[in-house]
Amino acid sequence: MAHPLELLYEVVLDRKTQKQEGSYTCYLFDKGLDKILKKVGEECAETIIAAKNGDNAETVMEISDLLYHLMVMMAQQGIALDDVLEELEKRGQKIGNLKVMRDTDKNT
């Protein structure tokens, strides 16, 4: 069974090529990159505010909105979900490769 993010991305890709009346995703594609980026920015800000307010339920909803809009942006730009997942996998292999923290003398 496919991961929910993969299923969502497939729907987004389908909406990019198969226009459907009343589809919000199709609306975003029709409006273009500037509208999509505006929504990504709005959802990012809303996620930050929800987290700052300590409202986990609201934060989860805002993260979900942000992930959706990021996927629309990815599809618009021709970025495959697999490319992002591969990058995350590479980064996951670096776990334990910590940077050395330096002490700074704040008096100088």
PDB file of N, CA and C in Angstrom:
ATOM      1  N   MET A   1       0.839  -1.188   0.000  1.00  0.00           N
ATOM      2  CA  MET A   1       0.000   0.000   0.000  1.00  0.00           C
ATOM      3  C   MET A   1       0.880   1.247   0.000  1.00  0.00           C
ATOM      4  N   ALA A   2       0.500   2.206  -0.790  1.00  0.00           N
ATOM      5  CA  ALA A   2       1.297   3.426  -0.926  1.00  0.00           C
ATOM      6  C   ALA A   2       1.164   4.307   0.314  1.00  0.00           C
ATOM      7  N   HIS A   3       2.183   5.065   0.565  1.00  0.00           N
ATOM      8  CA  HIS A   3       2.205   6.018   1.674  1.00  0.00           C
ATOM      9  C   HIS A   3       1.220   7.150   1.366  1.00  0.00           C
ATOM     10  N   PRO A   4       0.564   7.719   2.386  1.00  0.00           N
ATOM     11  CA  PRO A   4      -0.386   8.810   2.139  1.00  0.00           C
ATOM     12  C   PRO A   4       0.211   9.997   1.373  1.00  0.00           C
ATOM     13  N   LEU A   5       1.488  10.307   1.599  1.00  0.00           N
ATOM     14  CA  LEU A   5       2.107  11.396   0.837  1.00  0.00           C
ATOM     15  C   LEU A   5       2.220  11.038  -0.641  1.00  0.00           C
ATOM     16  N   GLU A   6       2.513   9.775  -0.924  1.00  0.00           N
ATOM     17  CA  GLU A   6       2.584   9.336  -2.321  1.00  0.00           C
ATOM     18  C   GLU A   6       1.209   9.405  -2.976  1.00  0.00           C
ATOM     19  N   LEU A   7       0.190   9.000  -2.237  1.00  0.00           N
ATOM     20  CA  LEU A   7      -1.169   9.049  -2.776  1.00  0.00           C
ATOM     21  C   LEU A   7      -1.591  10.488  -3.050  1.00  0.00           C
ATOM     22  N   LEU A   8      -1.285  11.385  -2.122  1.00  0.00           N
ATOM     23  CA  LEU A   8      -1.615  12.795  -2.300  1.00  0.00           C
ATOM     24  C   LEU A   8      -0.895  13.362  -3.519  1.00  0.00           C
ATOM     25  N   TYR A   9       0.386  13.033  -3.654  1.00  0.00           N
ATOM     26  CA  TYR A   9       1.153  13.558  -4.780  1.00  0.00           C
ATOM     27  C   TYR A   9       0.593  13.046  -6.109  1.00  0.00           C
ATOM     28  N   GLU A  10       0.146  11.808  -6.136  1.00  0.00           N
ATOM     29  CA  GLU A  10      -0.462  11.261  -7.356  1.00  0.00           C
ATOM     30  C   GLU A  10      -1.727  12.030  -7.722  1.00  0.00           C
ATOM     31  N   VAL A  11      -2.531  12.382  -6.722  1.00  0.00           N
ATOM     32  CA  VAL A  11      -3.739  13.168  -6.984  1.00  0.00           C
ATOM     33  C   VAL A  11      -3.362  14.542  -7.526  1.00  0.00           C
ATOM     34  N   VAL A  12      -2.361  15.169  -6.919  1.00  0.00           N
ATOM     35  CA  VAL A  12      -1.908  16.490  -7.372  1.00  0.00           C
ATOM     36  C   VAL A  12      -1.437  16.406  -8.825  1.00  0.00           C
ATOM     37  N   LEU A  13      -0.625  15.405  -9.148  1.00  0.00           N
ATOM     38  CA  LEU A  13      -0.151  15.241 -10.526  1.00  0.00           C
ATOM     39  C   LEU A  13      -1.305  15.013 -11.490  1.00  0.00           C
ATOM     40  N   ASP A  14      -2.284  14.233 -11.061  1.00  0.00           N
ATOM     41  CA  ASP A  14      -3.450  13.971 -11.900  1.00  0.00           C
ATOM     42  C   ASP A  14      -4.219  15.263 -12.178  1.00  0.00           C
ATOM     43  N   ARG A  15      -4.379  16.102 -11.156  1.00  0.00           N
ATOM     44  CA  ARG A  15      -5.103  17.366 -11.318  1.00  0.00           C
ATOM     45  C   ARG A  15      -4.348  18.327 -12.237  1.00  0.00           C
ATOM     46  N   LYS A  16      -3.039  18.186 -12.284  1.00  0.00           N
ATOM     47  CA  LYS A  16      -2.252  19.054 -13.163  1.00  0.00           C
ATOM     48  C   LYS A  16      -2.558  18.773 -14.634  1.00  0.00           C
ATOM     49  N   THR A  17      -2.817  17.518 -14.952  1.00  0.00           N
ATOM     50  CA  THR A  17      -3.054  17.136 -16.345  1.00  0.00           C
ATOM     51  C   THR A  17      -4.526  16.909 -16.668  1.00  0.00           C
ATOM     52  N   GLN A  18      -5.309  16.517 -15.679  1.00  0.00           N
ATOM     53  CA  GLN A  18      -6.734  16.222 -15.882  1.00  0.00           C
ATOM     54  C   GLN A  18      -7.572  17.245 -15.115  1.00  0.00           C
ATOM     55  N   LYS A  19      -7.925  18.324 -15.785  1.00  0.00           N
ATOM     56  CA  LYS A  19      -8.671  19.401 -15.131  1.00  0.00           C
ATOM     57  C   LYS A  19     -10.035  18.899 -14.664  1.00  0.00           C
ATOM     58  N   GLN A  20     -10.392  19.289 -13.450  1.00  0.00           N
ATOM     59  CA  GLN A  20     -11.700  18.928 -12.899  1.00  0.00           C
ATOM     60  C   GLN A  20     -12.398  20.186 -12.393  1.00  0.00           C
ATOM     61  N   GLU A  21     -13.642  20.333 -12.789  1.00  0.00           N
ATOM     62  CA  GLU A  21     -14.456  21.476 -12.369  1.00  0.00           C
ATOM     63  C   GLU A  21     -14.527  21.543 -10.848  1.00  0.00           C
ATOM     64  N   GLY A  22     -14.247  22.721 -10.302  1.00  0.00           N
ATOM     65  CA  GLY A  22     -14.363  22.924  -8.858  1.00  0.00           C
ATOM     66  C   GLY A  22     -13.182  22.448  -8.048  1.00  0.00           C
ATOM     67  N   SER A  23     -12.140  21.948  -8.687  1.00  0.00           N
ATOM     68  CA  SER A  23     -10.970  21.435  -7.968  1.00  0.00           C
ATOM     69  C   SER A  23     -10.078  22.600  -7.538  1.00  0.00           C
ATOM     70  N   TYR A  24      -9.801  22.676  -6.240  1.00  0.00           N
ATOM     71  CA  TYR A  24      -8.906  23.705  -5.721  1.00  0.00           C
ATOM     72  C   TYR A  24      -7.503  23.539  -6.295  1.00  0.00           C
ATOM     73  N   THR A  25      -7.054  22.306  -6.436  1.00  0.00           N
ATOM     74  CA  THR A  25      -5.729  22.039  -6.995  1.00  0.00           C
ATOM     75  C   THR A  25      -5.649  22.560  -8.437  1.00  0.00           C
ATOM     76  N   CYS A  26      -6.674  22.298  -9.217  1.00  0.00           N
ATOM     77  CA  CYS A  26      -6.707  22.804 -10.595  1.00  0.00           C
ATOM     78  C   CYS A  26      -6.704  24.326 -10.598  1.00  0.00           C
ATOM     79  N   TYR A  27      -7.433  24.925  -9.669  1.00  0.00           N
ATOM     80  CA  TYR A  27      -7.457  26.379  -9.548  1.00  0.00           C
ATOM     81  C   TYR A  27      -6.045  26.920  -9.320  1.00  0.00           C
ATOM     82  N   LEU A  28      -5.303  26.283  -8.420  1.00  0.00           N
ATOM     83  CA  LEU A  28      -3.935  26.726  -8.150  1.00  0.00           C
ATOM     84  C   LEU A  28      -3.062  26.618  -9.390  1.00  0.00           C
ATOM     85  N   PHE A  29      -3.150  25.492 -10.098  1.00  0.00           N
ATOM     86  CA  PHE A  29      -2.360  25.327 -11.321  1.00  0.00           C
ATOM     87  C   PHE A  29      -2.749  26.382 -12.362  1.00  0.00           C
ATOM     88  N   ASP A  30      -4.033  26.669 -12.475  1.00  0.00           N
ATOM     89  CA  ASP A  30      -4.491  27.681 -13.438  1.00  0.00           C
ATOM     90  C   ASP A  30      -3.949  29.063 -13.099  1.00  0.00           C
ATOM     91  N   LYS A  31      -3.874  29.369 -11.811  1.00  0.00           N
ATOM     92  CA  LYS A  31      -3.393  30.697 -11.379  1.00  0.00           C
ATOM     93  C   LYS A  31      -1.873  30.819 -11.524  1.00  0.00           C
ATOM     94  N   GLY A  32      -1.160  29.700 -11.473  1.00  0.00           N
ATOM     95  CA  GLY A  32       0.269  29.716 -11.733  1.00  0.00           C
ATOM     96  C   GLY A  32       1.152  29.753 -10.495  1.00  0.00           C
ATOM     97  N   LEU A  33       2.443  29.821 -10.768  1.00  0.00           N
ATOM     98  CA  LEU A  33       3.458  29.696  -9.733  1.00  0.00           C
ATOM     99  C   LEU A  33       3.347  30.769  -8.655  1.00  0.00           C
ATOM    100  N   ASP A  34       3.084  32.009  -9.033  1.00  0.00           N
ATOM    101  CA  ASP A  34       3.017  33.068  -8.026  1.00  0.00           C
ATOM    102  C   ASP A  34       1.944  32.784  -6.987  1.00  0.00           C
ATOM    103  N   LYS A  35       0.768  32.340  -7.415  1.00  0.00           N
ATOM    104  CA  LYS A  35      -0.318  32.012  -6.488  1.00  0.00           C
ATOM    105  C   LYS A  35       0.074  30.826  -5.607  1.00  0.00           C
ATOM    106  N   ILE A  36       0.685  29.817  -6.219  1.00  0.00           N
ATOM    107  CA  ILE A  36       1.104  28.634  -5.462  1.00  0.00           C
ATOM    108  C   ILE A  36       2.122  29.031  -4.395  1.00  0.00           C
ATOM    109  N   LEU A  37       3.100  29.846  -4.769  1.00  0.00           N
ATOM    110  CA  LEU A  37       4.121  30.276  -3.812  1.00  0.00           C
ATOM    111  C   LEU A  37       3.523  31.136  -2.706  1.00  0.00           C
ATOM    112  N   LYS A  38       2.556  31.960  -3.047  1.00  0.00           N
ATOM    113  CA  LYS A  38       1.871  32.766  -2.034  1.00  0.00           C
ATOM    114  C   LYS A  38       1.200  31.859  -1.009  1.00  0.00           C
ATOM    115  N   LYS A  39       0.547  30.808  -1.479  1.00  0.00           N
ATOM    116  CA  LYS A  39      -0.112  29.872  -0.564  1.00  0.00           C
ATOM    117  C   LYS A  39       0.906  29.114   0.289  1.00  0.00           C
ATOM    118  N   VAL A  40       2.034  28.729  -0.290  1.00  0.00           N
ATOM    119  CA  VAL A  40       3.082  28.065   0.492  1.00  0.00           C
ATOM    120  C   VAL A  40       3.539  28.991   1.617  1.00  0.00           C
ATOM    121  N   GLY A  41       3.767  30.252   1.296  1.00  0.00           N
ATOM    122  CA  GLY A  41       4.186  31.218   2.303  1.00  0.00           C
ATOM    123  C   GLY A  41       3.149  31.408   3.392  1.00  0.00           C
ATOM    124  N   GLU A  42       1.875  31.527   2.996  1.00  0.00           N
ATOM    125  CA  GLU A  42       0.795  31.688   3.974  1.00  0.00           C
ATOM    126  C   GLU A  42       0.712  30.487   4.908  1.00  0.00           C
ATOM    127  N   GLU A  43       0.781  29.303   4.321  1.00  0.00           N
ATOM    128  CA  GLU A  43       0.673  28.086   5.147  1.00  0.00           C
ATOM    129  C   GLU A  43       1.874  27.929   6.064  1.00  0.00           C
ATOM    130  N   CYS A  44       3.037  28.344   5.599  1.00  0.00           N
ATOM    131  CA  CYS A  44       4.231  28.301   6.438  1.00  0.00           C
ATOM    132  C   CYS A  44       4.048  29.218   7.642  1.00  0.00           C
ATOM    133  N   ALA A  45       3.582  30.439   7.398  1.00  0.00           N
ATOM    134  CA  ALA A  45       3.353  31.392   8.486  1.00  0.00           C
ATOM    135  C   ALA A  45       2.294  30.867   9.456  1.00  0.00           C
ATOM    136  N   GLU A  46       1.232  30.287   8.929  1.00  0.00           N
ATOM    137  CA  GLU A  46       0.179  29.742   9.789  1.00  0.00           C
ATOM    138  C   GLU A  46       0.691  28.576  10.627  1.00  0.00           C
ATOM    139  N   THR A  47       1.581  27.782  10.066  1.00  0.00           N
ATOM    140  CA  THR A  47       2.183  26.681  10.817  1.00  0.00           C
ATOM    141  C   THR A  47       3.020  27.227  11.970  1.00  0.00           C
ATOM    142  N   ILE A  48       3.797  28.243  11.694  1.00  0.00           N
ATOM    143  CA  ILE A  48       4.636  28.864  12.725  1.00  0.00           C
ATOM    144  C   ILE A  48       3.775  29.427  13.849  1.00  0.00           C
ATOM    145  N   ILE A  49       2.700  30.123  13.496  1.00  0.00           N
ATOM    146  CA  ILE A  49       1.823  30.722  14.503  1.00  0.00           C
ATOM    147  C   ILE A  49       1.166  29.644  15.354  1.00  0.00           C
ATOM    148  N   ALA A  50       0.665  28.594  14.723  1.00  0.00           N
ATOM    149  CA  ALA A  50       0.023  27.511  15.472  1.00  0.00           C
ATOM    150  C   ALA A  50       1.014  26.863  16.440  1.00  0.00           C
ATOM    151  N   ALA A  51       2.242  26.637  15.979  1.00  0.00           N
ATOM    152  CA  ALA A  51       3.261  26.028  16.848  1.00  0.00           C
ATOM    153  C   ALA A  51       3.612  26.971  17.998  1.00  0.00           C
ATOM    154  N   LYS A  52       3.754  28.237  17.691  1.00  0.00           N
ATOM    155  CA  LYS A  52       4.085  29.233  18.715  1.00  0.00           C
ATOM    156  C   LYS A  52       2.981  29.307  19.768  1.00  0.00           C
ATOM    157  N   ASN A  53       1.733  29.123  19.340  1.00  0.00           N
ATOM    158  CA  ASN A  53       0.602  29.147  20.260  1.00  0.00           C
ATOM    159  C   ASN A  53       0.477  27.856  21.063  1.00  0.00           C
ATOM    160  N   GLY A  54       1.282  26.857  20.735  1.00  0.00           N
ATOM    161  CA  GLY A  54       1.269  25.598  21.477  1.00  0.00           C
ATOM    162  C   GLY A  54       0.034  24.746  21.226  1.00  0.00           C
ATOM    163  N   ASP A  55      -0.633  24.985  20.117  1.00  0.00           N
ATOM    164  CA  ASP A  55      -1.850  24.247  19.780  1.00  0.00           C
ATOM    165  C   ASP A  55      -1.486  23.116  18.818  1.00  0.00           C
ATOM    166  N   ASN A  56      -1.239  21.936  19.370  1.00  0.00           N
ATOM    167  CA  ASN A  56      -0.767  20.824  18.536  1.00  0.00           C
ATOM    168  C   ASN A  56      -1.776  20.398  17.484  1.00  0.00           C
ATOM    169  N   ALA A  57      -3.065  20.404  17.819  1.00  0.00           N
ATOM    170  CA  ALA A  57      -4.078  19.997  16.837  1.00  0.00           C
ATOM    171  C   ALA A  57      -4.085  20.972  15.663  1.00  0.00           C
ATOM    172  N   GLU A  58      -4.035  22.249  15.957  1.00  0.00           N
ATOM    173  CA  GLU A  58      -3.998  23.267  14.904  1.00  0.00           C
ATOM    174  C   GLU A  58      -2.690  23.169  14.116  1.00  0.00           C
ATOM    175  N   THR A  59      -1.591  22.903  14.811  1.00  0.00           N
ATOM    176  CA  THR A  59      -0.291  22.781  14.140  1.00  0.00           C
ATOM    177  C   THR A  59      -0.308  21.620  13.159  1.00  0.00           C
ATOM    178  N   VAL A  60      -0.895  20.499  13.546  1.00  0.00           N
ATOM    179  CA  VAL A  60      -0.993  19.340  12.645  1.00  0.00           C
ATOM    180  C   VAL A  60      -1.792  19.706  11.402  1.00  0.00           C
ATOM    181  N   MET A  61      -2.883  20.418  11.574  1.00  0.00           N
ATOM    182  CA  MET A  61      -3.685  20.825  10.411  1.00  0.00           C
ATOM    183  C   MET A  61      -2.901  21.766   9.505  1.00  0.00           C
ATOM    184  N   GLU A  62      -2.169  22.701  10.102  1.00  0.00           N
ATOM    185  CA  GLU A  62      -1.394  23.644   9.293  1.00  0.00           C
ATOM    186  C   GLU A  62      -0.224  22.956   8.589  1.00  0.00           C
ATOM    187  N   ILE A  63       0.417  22.012   9.264  1.00  0.00           N
ATOM    188  CA  ILE A  63       1.489  21.236   8.616  1.00  0.00           C
ATOM    189  C   ILE A  63       0.923  20.480   7.415  1.00  0.00           C
ATOM    190  N   SER A  64      -0.260  19.917   7.581  1.00  0.00           N
ATOM    191  CA  SER A  64      -0.897  19.188   6.479  1.00  0.00           C
ATOM    192  C   SER A  64      -1.185  20.117   5.303  1.00  0.00           C
ATOM    193  N   ASP A  65      -1.695  21.311   5.598  1.00  0.00           N
ATOM    194  CA  ASP A  65      -1.928  22.298   4.535  1.00  0.00           C
ATOM    195  C   ASP A  65      -0.615  22.675   3.844  1.00  0.00           C
ATOM    196  N   LEU A  66       0.431  22.868   4.640  1.00  0.00           N
ATOM    197  CA  LEU A  66       1.732  23.237   4.083  1.00  0.00           C
ATOM    198  C   LEU A  66       2.273  22.129   3.187  1.00  0.00           C
ATOM    199  N   LEU A  67       2.197  20.880   3.645  1.00  0.00           N
ATOM    200  CA  LEU A  67       2.680  19.761   2.825  1.00  0.00           C
ATOM    201  C   LEU A  67       1.915  19.676   1.507  1.00  0.00           C
ATOM    202  N   TYR A  68       0.605  19.862   1.565  1.00  0.00           N
ATOM    203  CA  TYR A  68      -0.195  19.834   0.343  1.00  0.00           C
ATOM    204  C   TYR A  68       0.269  20.922  -0.630  1.00  0.00           C
ATOM    205  N   HIS A  69       0.399  22.148  -0.135  1.00  0.00           N
ATOM    206  CA  HIS A  69       0.790  23.243  -1.021  1.00  0.00           C
ATOM    207  C   HIS A  69       2.224  23.070  -1.538  1.00  0.00           C
ATOM    208  N   LEU A  70       3.092  22.488  -0.720  1.00  0.00           N
ATOM    209  CA  LEU A  70       4.444  22.176  -1.197  1.00  0.00           C
ATOM    210  C   LEU A  70       4.390  21.169  -2.340  1.00  0.00           C
ATOM    211  N   MET A  71       3.491  20.202  -2.244  1.00  0.00           N
ATOM    212  CA  MET A  71       3.367  19.210  -3.316  1.00  0.00           C
ATOM    213  C   MET A  71       2.838  19.832  -4.597  1.00  0.00           C
ATOM    214  N   VAL A  72       1.921  20.784  -4.468  1.00  0.00           N
ATOM    215  CA  VAL A  72       1.437  21.490  -5.655  1.00  0.00           C
ATOM    216  C   VAL A  72       2.605  22.251  -6.289  1.00  0.00           C
ATOM    217  N   MET A  73       3.416  22.910  -5.446  1.00  0.00           N
ATOM    218  CA  MET A  73       4.584  23.625  -5.950  1.00  0.00           C
ATOM    219  C   MET A  73       5.560  22.669  -6.637  1.00  0.00           C
ATOM    220  N   MET A  74       5.792  21.520  -6.018  1.00  0.00           N
ATOM    221  CA  MET A  74       6.693  20.527  -6.604  1.00  0.00           C
ATOM    222  C   MET A  74       6.193  20.085  -7.976  1.00  0.00           C
ATOM    223  N   ALA A  75       4.904  19.787  -8.069  1.00  0.00           N
ATOM    224  CA  ALA A  75       4.335  19.347  -9.345  1.00  0.00           C
ATOM    225  C   ALA A  75       4.441  20.460 -10.387  1.00  0.00           C
ATOM    226  N   GLN A  76       4.195  21.678  -9.976  1.00  0.00           N
ATOM    227  CA  GLN A  76       4.301  22.820 -10.896  1.00  0.00           C
ATOM    228  C   GLN A  76       5.720  22.958 -11.437  1.00  0.00           C
ATOM    229  N   GLN A  77       6.694  22.685 -10.584  1.00  0.00           N
ATOM    230  CA  GLN A  77       8.100  22.851 -10.948  1.00  0.00           C
ATOM    231  C   GLN A  77       8.720  21.579 -11.540  1.00  0.00           C
ATOM    232  N   GLY A  78       7.948  20.514 -11.614  1.00  0.00           N
ATOM    233  CA  GLY A  78       8.467  19.264 -12.170  1.00  0.00           C
ATOM    234  C   GLY A  78       9.396  18.516 -11.227  1.00  0.00           C
ATOM    235  N   ILE A  79       9.203  18.706  -9.935  1.00  0.00           N
ATOM    236  CA  ILE A  79      10.027  18.022  -8.929  1.00  0.00           C
ATOM    237  C   ILE A  79       9.285  16.772  -8.464  1.00  0.00           C
ATOM    238  N   ALA A  80       9.920  15.633  -8.626  1.00  0.00           N
ATOM    239  CA  ALA A  80       9.303  14.362  -8.245  1.00  0.00           C
ATOM    240  C   ALA A  80       9.391  14.152  -6.736  1.00  0.00           C
ATOM    241  N   LEU A  81       8.342  13.576  -6.175  1.00  0.00           N
ATOM    242  CA  LEU A  81       8.345  13.246  -4.748  1.00  0.00           C
ATOM    243  C   LEU A  81       9.498  12.303  -4.433  1.00  0.00           C
ATOM    244  N   ASP A  82       9.781  11.376  -5.324  1.00  0.00           N
ATOM    245  CA  ASP A  82      10.888  10.441  -5.104  1.00  0.00           C
ATOM    246  C   ASP A  82      12.219  11.168  -4.934  1.00  0.00           C
ATOM    247  N   ASP A  83      12.419  12.276  -5.644  1.00  0.00           N
ATOM    248  CA  ASP A  83      13.662  13.036  -5.501  1.00  0.00           C
ATOM    249  C   ASP A  83      13.787  13.608  -4.093  1.00  0.00           C
ATOM    250  N   VAL A  84      12.695  14.110  -3.553  1.00  0.00           N
ATOM    251  CA  VAL A  84      12.707  14.654  -2.193  1.00  0.00           C
ATOM    252  C   VAL A  84      12.927  13.523  -1.185  1.00  0.00           C
ATOM    253  N   LEU A  85      12.240  12.406  -1.388  1.00  0.00           N
ATOM    254  CA  LEU A  85      12.398  11.281  -0.473  1.00  0.00           C
ATOM    255  C   LEU A  85      13.821  10.729  -0.498  1.00  0.00           C
ATOM    256  N   GLU A  86      14.429  10.690  -1.681  1.00  0.00           N
ATOM    257  CA  GLU A  86      15.824  10.247  -1.785  1.00  0.00           C
ATOM    258  C   GLU A  86      16.759  11.190  -1.039  1.00  0.00           C
ATOM    259  N   GLU A  87      16.515  12.485  -1.160  1.00  0.00           N
ATOM    260  CA  GLU A  87      17.337  13.469  -0.441  1.00  0.00           C
ATOM    261  C   GLU A  87      17.187  13.294   1.066  1.00  0.00           C
ATOM    262  N   LEU A  88      15.968  13.071   1.515  1.00  0.00           N
ATOM    263  CA  LEU A  88      15.748  12.839   2.945  1.00  0.00           C
ATOM    264  C   LEU A  88      16.442  11.561   3.414  1.00  0.00           C
ATOM    265  N   GLU A  89      16.421  10.543   2.566  1.00  0.00           N
ATOM    266  CA  GLU A  89      17.110   9.304   2.905  1.00  0.00           C
ATOM    267  C   GLU A  89      18.610   9.538   3.035  1.00  0.00           C
ATOM    268  N   LYS A  90      19.193  10.307   2.114  1.00  0.00           N
ATOM    269  CA  LYS A  90      20.621  10.636   2.200  1.00  0.00           C
ATOM    270  C   LYS A  90      20.929  11.360   3.499  1.00  0.00           C
ATOM    271  N   ARG A  91      20.074  12.305   3.833  1.00  0.00           N
ATOM    272  CA  ARG A  91      20.287  13.060   5.064  1.00  0.00           C
ATOM    273  C   ARG A  91      20.145  12.175   6.288  1.00  0.00           C
ATOM    274  N   GLY A  92      19.255  11.203   6.214  1.00  0.00           N
ATOM    275  CA  GLY A  92      19.067  10.270   7.321  1.00  0.00           C
ATOM    276  C   GLY A  92      20.303   9.423   7.575  1.00  0.00           C
ATOM    277  N   GLN A  93      21.087   9.205   6.536  1.00  0.00           N
ATOM    278  CA  GLN A  93      22.316   8.423   6.681  1.00  0.00           C
ATOM    279  C   GLN A  93      23.402   9.220   7.375  1.00  0.00           C
ATOM    280  N   LYS A  94      23.210  10.531   7.491  1.00  0.00           N
ATOM    281  CA  LYS A  94      24.204  11.376   8.138  1.00  0.00           C
ATOM    282  C   LYS A  94      23.968  11.495   9.640  1.00  0.00           C
ATOM    283  N   ILE A  95      22.925  10.845  10.141  1.00  0.00           N
ATOM    284  CA  ILE A  95      22.634  10.919  11.573  1.00  0.00           C
ATOM    285  C   ILE A  95      23.848  10.426  12.346  1.00  0.00           C
ATOM    286  N   GLY A  96      24.204  11.170  13.349  1.00  0.00           N
ATOM    287  CA  GLY A  96      25.386  10.831  14.136  1.00  0.00           C
ATOM    288  C   GLY A  96      26.618  11.566  13.662  1.00  0.00           C
ATOM    289  N   ASN A  97      26.515  12.252  12.538  1.00  0.00           N
ATOM    290  CA  ASN A  97      27.616  13.030  11.992  1.00  0.00           C
ATOM    291  C   ASN A  97      27.455  14.470  12.483  1.00  0.00           C
ATOM    292  N   LEU A  98      27.607  14.636  13.783  1.00  0.00           N
ATOM    293  CA  LEU A  98      27.342  15.921  14.411  1.00  0.00           C
ATOM    294  C   LEU A  98      28.465  16.903  14.175  1.00  0.00           C
ATOM    295  N   LYS A  99      28.084  18.156  14.060  1.00  0.00           N
ATOM    296  CA  LYS A  99      29.076  19.217  13.964  1.00  0.00           C
ATOM    297  C   LYS A  99      29.575  19.522  15.358  1.00  0.00           C
ATOM    298  N   VAL A 100      30.820  19.885  15.445  1.00  0.00           N
ATOM    299  CA  VAL A 100      31.418  20.204  16.737  1.00  0.00           C
ATOM    300  C   VAL A 100      30.998  21.609  17.129  1.00  0.00           C
ATOM    301  N   MET A 101      30.434  21.712  18.322  1.00  0.00           N
ATOM    302  CA  MET A 101      30.034  23.018  18.833  1.00  0.00           C
ATOM    303  C   MET A 101      31.266  23.666  19.451  1.00  0.00           C
ATOM    304  N   ARG A 102      31.428  24.945  19.187  1.00  0.00           N
ATOM    305  CA  ARG A 102      32.570  25.663  19.741  1.00  0.00           C
ATOM    306  C   ARG A 102      32.095  26.571  20.862  1.00  0.00           C
ATOM    307  N   ASP A 103      32.912  26.687  21.876  1.00  0.00           N
ATOM    308  CA  ASP A 103      32.644  27.667  22.913  1.00  0.00           C
ATOM    309  C   ASP A 103      33.157  29.007  22.410  1.00  0.00           C
ATOM    310  N   THR A 104      32.359  30.025  22.615  1.00  0.00           N
ATOM    311  CA  THR A 104      32.796  31.355  22.205  1.00  0.00           C
ATOM    312  C   THR A 104      32.999  32.210  23.450  1.00  0.00           C
ATOM    313  N   ASP A 105      34.020  32.952  23.389  1.00  0.00           N
ATOM    314  CA  ASP A 105      34.302  33.887  24.486  1.00  0.00           C
ATOM    315  C   ASP A 105      33.563  35.173  24.169  1.00  0.00           C
ATOM    316  N   LYS A 106      32.459  35.399  24.875  1.00  0.00           N
ATOM    317  CA  LYS A 106      31.620  36.569  24.595  1.00  0.00           C
ATOM    318  C   LYS A 106      32.206  37.841  25.177  1.00  0.00           C
ATOM    319  N   ASN A 107      33.321  37.725  25.894  1.00  0.00           N
ATOM    320  CA  ASN A 107      33.952  38.903  26.493  1.00  0.00           C
ATOM    321  C   ASN A 107      34.950  39.552  25.553  1.00  0.00           C
ATOM    322  N   THR A 108      35.256  38.899  24.432  1.00  0.00           N
ATOM    323  CA  THR A 108      36.255  39.476  23.512  1.00  0.00           C
ATOM    324  C   THR A 108      35.610  39.951  22.248  1.00  0.00           C
TER     325      THR A 108
END
